[in-house]
Amino acid sequence: MKRLVVIAAGLSQPSSTRLLADRLAAATARELGGELAADVRVVELRDHAHEITDHLLTGFPAPALKDVLDAVAAADGLIAVSPIFNASYSGLFKSFFDVLGDDVLTDKPVLLGATGGTARHSLALEHALRPMFTYLHAVVAPTSVFAATEDWAGGGDATLHRRIDRAGRELADLVGRRASPVVADPFALTTTFDALLSGQGRAVTNDLRL
């Protein structure tokens, strides 16, 4: 079972960002379905906006946000989709990835998507999103997908559909070739109670000799 986490940073509901995220997830799951089952979890960041801000201010995530962060860490692949504002990703999208733990995205396959009013915003995928995920050491799929308003109807939809299918194949291939991540439990004991007790006993004995 391969685990996919989909991050959708749309602010409205419903949103074209969520629609694109769902289609990218479906395309990837179809490709994985041949040999590997896919467990897909979609996260809408608007539902966690206050928790993300609180985490930035306090350094501690609320339980619901902690569950999302843990899911991203344990995922075999990530799909990240943001609306484009002022030629870049949204502040909510950036803030979420700012609160991820160190090295969470290292070597993790990631598929990028974005939405905007017109196609002139499409370059933001390559000059804003891709550099950020490269900096975070993610393995970014070659094809990223931008959807403008006109892409959802008419002839543009066919082109968008082909691009979504190609991106889904690329992410599925990256996920299929990567071993599932093992997330360490920060509260797990690294030694047995007997070893701890024996070590404590030696420390007490040394203190008495001194």
Protein backbone atom coordinates (compact mmCIF):
# COMPACT_ATOMS: atom_id res chain seq x y z
CA MET A 1 0.00 0.00 0.00
CA LYS A 2 1.49 3.32 -1.10
CA ARG A 3 0.38 6.41 0.79
CA LEU A 4 -0.24 9.66 -1.08
CA VAL A 5 -0.91 12.94 0.69
CA VAL A 6 -2.47 15.75 -1.32
CA ILE A 7 -2.03 19.34 -0.08
CA ALA A 8 -4.58 21.77 -1.53
CA ALA A 9 -4.10 25.43 -0.58
CA GLY A 10 -7.28 26.82 -2.13
CA LEU A 11 -9.03 29.50 -0.08
CA SER A 12 -12.57 29.17 -1.39
CA GLN A 13 -14.91 26.23 -1.22
CA PRO A 14 -15.31 24.73 -3.71
CA SER A 15 -12.11 25.81 -5.43
CA SER A 16 -10.35 25.09 -8.70
CA THR A 17 -7.23 24.33 -6.64
CA ARG A 18 -9.02 21.43 -4.91
CA LEU A 19 -10.41 20.28 -8.27
CA LEU A 20 -6.93 20.14 -9.80
CA ALA A 21 -5.56 18.40 -6.69
CA ASP A 22 -8.27 15.73 -6.92
CA ARG A 23 -7.58 15.10 -10.60
CA LEU A 24 -3.84 14.80 -10.05
CA ALA A 25 -4.46 12.36 -7.19
CA ALA A 26 -6.85 10.28 -9.31
CA ALA A 27 -4.37 10.10 -12.19
CA THR A 28 -1.56 8.99 -9.88
CA ALA A 29 -3.76 6.42 -8.13
CA ARG A 30 -4.80 4.96 -11.49
CA GLU A 31 -1.17 4.47 -12.45
CA LEU A 32 -0.33 2.88 -9.10
CA GLY A 33 -3.42 0.67 -9.27
CA GLY A 34 -1.80 -1.71 -11.73
CA GLU A 35 0.70 -3.12 -9.22
CA LEU A 36 0.42 -1.06 -6.05
CA ALA A 37 -2.67 0.01 -4.16
CA ALA A 38 -2.83 3.68 -3.19
CA ASP A 39 -4.16 5.20 0.01
CA VAL A 40 -4.93 8.85 -0.80
CA ARG A 41 -5.46 11.54 1.83
CA VAL A 42 -6.47 15.05 0.76
CA VAL A 43 -5.72 17.95 3.12
CA GLU A 44 -7.28 21.37 2.58
CA LEU A 45 -5.03 23.90 4.26
CA ARG A 46 -7.89 26.37 4.75
CA ASP A 47 -9.18 24.01 7.44
CA HIS A 48 -5.89 24.37 9.35
CA ALA A 49 -5.09 28.04 8.69
CA HIS A 50 -5.37 29.15 12.32
CA GLU A 51 -3.43 26.11 13.56
CA ILE A 52 -0.60 26.82 11.09
CA THR A 53 -0.35 30.43 12.29
CA ASP A 54 -0.40 29.32 15.94
CA HIS A 55 2.37 26.82 15.20
CA LEU A 56 4.51 29.53 13.60
CA LEU A 57 4.06 31.68 16.70
CA THR A 58 4.43 29.04 19.41
CA GLY A 59 6.46 26.25 17.82
CA PHE A 60 3.88 23.64 18.86
CA PRO A 61 1.27 22.13 16.51
CA ALA A 62 -2.34 21.53 17.52
CA PRO A 63 -3.35 17.82 17.47
CA ALA A 64 -5.17 18.06 14.12
CA LEU A 65 -2.22 19.81 12.47
CA LYS A 66 0.22 17.38 14.08
CA ASP A 67 -1.73 14.54 12.45
CA VAL A 68 -1.35 16.20 9.04
CA LEU A 69 2.38 16.81 9.53
CA ASP A 70 2.87 13.17 10.56
CA ALA A 71 0.93 12.03 7.48
CA VAL A 72 3.20 14.06 5.20
CA ALA A 73 6.29 12.61 6.88
CA ALA A 74 5.00 9.05 6.41
CA ALA A 75 3.75 9.54 2.84
CA ASP A 76 5.33 7.74 -0.09
CA GLY A 77 4.46 10.66 -2.35
CA LEU A 78 3.13 14.19 -2.07
CA ILE A 79 0.95 16.26 -4.38
CA ALA A 80 1.11 19.99 -3.61
CA VAL A 81 -1.23 22.46 -5.30
CA SER A 82 -1.40 26.21 -4.66
CA PRO A 83 -3.30 29.12 -6.15
CA ILE A 84 -0.99 31.74 -7.63
CA PHE A 85 -1.13 35.21 -6.07
CA ASN A 86 1.18 38.01 -7.27
CA ALA A 87 3.27 35.60 -9.36
CA SER A 88 3.97 33.18 -6.50
CA TYR A 89 2.44 30.57 -4.19
CA SER A 90 -0.02 31.65 -1.52
CA GLY A 91 1.11 32.64 1.97
CA LEU A 92 -0.90 29.79 3.48
CA PHE A 93 0.84 27.27 1.23
CA LYS A 94 4.31 28.59 2.16
CA SER A 95 3.46 28.74 5.87
CA PHE A 96 2.49 25.07 5.90
CA PHE A 97 5.81 23.98 4.47
CA ASP A 98 7.59 26.33 6.85
CA VAL A 99 6.31 24.31 9.82
CA LEU A 100 7.32 20.90 8.45
CA GLY A 101 10.13 19.26 10.34
CA ASP A 102 13.68 19.28 9.04
CA ASP A 103 14.38 16.78 6.24
CA VAL A 104 10.73 15.65 6.03
CA LEU A 105 10.73 16.11 2.25
CA THR A 106 14.24 14.80 1.64
CA ASP A 107 14.09 12.32 -1.28
CA LYS A 108 10.27 12.32 -1.18
CA PRO A 109 8.56 12.30 -4.61
CA VAL A 110 6.49 15.44 -5.11
CA LEU A 111 4.12 16.49 -7.88
CA LEU A 112 3.45 20.22 -8.20
CA GLY A 113 0.30 21.93 -9.39
CA ALA A 114 -1.05 25.47 -9.44
CA THR A 115 -4.13 27.40 -10.48
CA GLY A 116 -4.66 30.97 -11.61
CA GLY A 117 -6.97 33.22 -13.52
CA THR A 118 -4.90 33.30 -16.71
CA ALA A 119 -2.07 31.31 -18.27
CA ARG A 120 0.39 34.18 -17.68
CA HIS A 121 0.71 32.93 -14.09
CA SER A 122 1.92 29.48 -15.18
CA LEU A 123 5.63 30.32 -14.95
CA ALA A 124 5.26 30.61 -11.17
CA LEU A 125 5.48 26.82 -11.04
CA GLU A 126 9.03 26.93 -12.35
CA HIS A 127 10.37 30.12 -10.77
CA ALA A 128 8.66 29.85 -7.35
CA LEU A 129 7.33 26.40 -6.44
CA ARG A 130 9.97 24.16 -8.01
CA PRO A 131 12.95 26.03 -6.49
CA MET A 132 11.37 25.85 -3.03
CA PHE A 133 10.87 22.09 -3.18
CA THR A 134 14.33 21.59 -4.66
CA TYR A 135 15.72 23.52 -1.70
CA LEU A 136 13.79 21.17 0.61
CA HIS A 137 15.54 18.23 -1.14
CA ALA A 138 12.33 16.74 -2.56
CA VAL A 139 12.38 14.70 -5.77
CA VAL A 140 10.11 16.81 -7.96
CA ALA A 141 8.31 15.16 -10.89
CA PRO A 142 9.43 16.60 -14.26
CA THR A 143 5.92 17.64 -15.28
CA SER A 144 4.13 20.25 -13.21
CA VAL A 145 0.53 21.19 -13.98
CA PHE A 146 -1.00 24.66 -14.20
CA ALA A 147 -4.72 25.17 -14.73
CA ALA A 148 -6.13 28.54 -15.75
CA THR A 149 -9.83 29.35 -15.75
CA GLU A 150 -10.16 28.66 -19.47
CA ASP A 151 -8.52 25.23 -19.11
CA TRP A 152 -11.58 23.78 -17.40
CA ALA A 153 -13.81 24.10 -20.49
CA GLY A 154 -13.61 23.72 -24.23
CA GLY A 155 -10.50 22.53 -26.05
CA GLY A 156 -8.21 23.52 -23.20
CA ASP A 157 -9.61 20.75 -21.01
CA ALA A 158 -8.22 18.05 -23.31
CA THR A 159 -4.73 19.54 -23.11
CA LEU A 160 -5.02 19.83 -19.32
CA HIS A 161 -6.22 16.23 -19.09
CA ARG A 162 -3.20 14.95 -21.05
CA ARG A 163 -0.82 16.93 -18.86
CA ILE A 164 -2.48 15.61 -15.69
CA ASP A 165 -2.18 12.03 -16.94
CA ARG A 166 1.51 12.48 -17.78
CA ALA A 167 2.25 14.05 -14.39
CA GLY A 168 0.39 11.22 -12.65
CA ARG A 169 2.48 8.62 -14.49
CA GLU A 170 5.69 10.38 -13.51
CA LEU A 171 4.77 10.57 -9.82
CA ALA A 172 3.58 6.97 -9.77
CA ASP A 173 6.88 5.88 -11.29
CA LEU A 174 8.87 7.80 -8.67
CA VAL A 175 6.73 6.42 -5.84
CA GLY A 176 6.91 2.86 -7.15
CA ARG A 177 10.72 2.93 -7.25
CA ARG A 178 11.13 4.30 -3.73
CA ALA A 179 11.00 2.34 -0.50
CA SER A 180 8.35 3.50 1.94
CA PRO A 181 9.72 5.95 4.52
CA VAL A 182 10.27 4.82 8.09
CA VAL A 183 9.31 7.57 10.52
CA ALA A 184 11.13 7.37 13.84
CA ASP A 185 9.05 7.67 17.01
CA PRO A 186 10.63 10.47 19.08
CA PHE A 187 9.29 8.86 22.25
CA ALA A 188 10.54 5.35 21.51
CA LEU A 189 13.08 3.95 23.93
CA THR A 190 16.54 3.49 22.43
CA THR A 191 17.57 1.06 25.17
CA THR A 192 15.88 -1.35 27.57
CA PHE A 193 14.82 -0.61 31.11
CA ASP A 194 17.36 -3.19 32.34
CA ALA A 195 20.16 -1.33 30.60
CA LEU A 196 18.96 1.96 32.02
CA LEU A 197 18.79 0.51 35.53
CA SER A 198 22.19 -1.13 35.28
CA GLY A 199 23.68 2.09 34.02
CA GLN A 200 22.10 3.98 36.86
CA GLY A 201 23.46 1.41 39.31
CA ARG A 202 27.00 1.88 37.99
CA ALA A 203 26.67 5.64 38.29
CA VAL A 204 25.57 5.35 41.93
CA THR A 205 28.44 2.98 42.70
CA ASN A 206 30.97 5.36 41.15
CA ASP A 207 29.58 8.22 43.21
CA LEU A 208 30.00 6.21 46.43
CA ARG A 209 33.63 5.39 45.55
CA LEU A 210 34.35 9.04 45.03
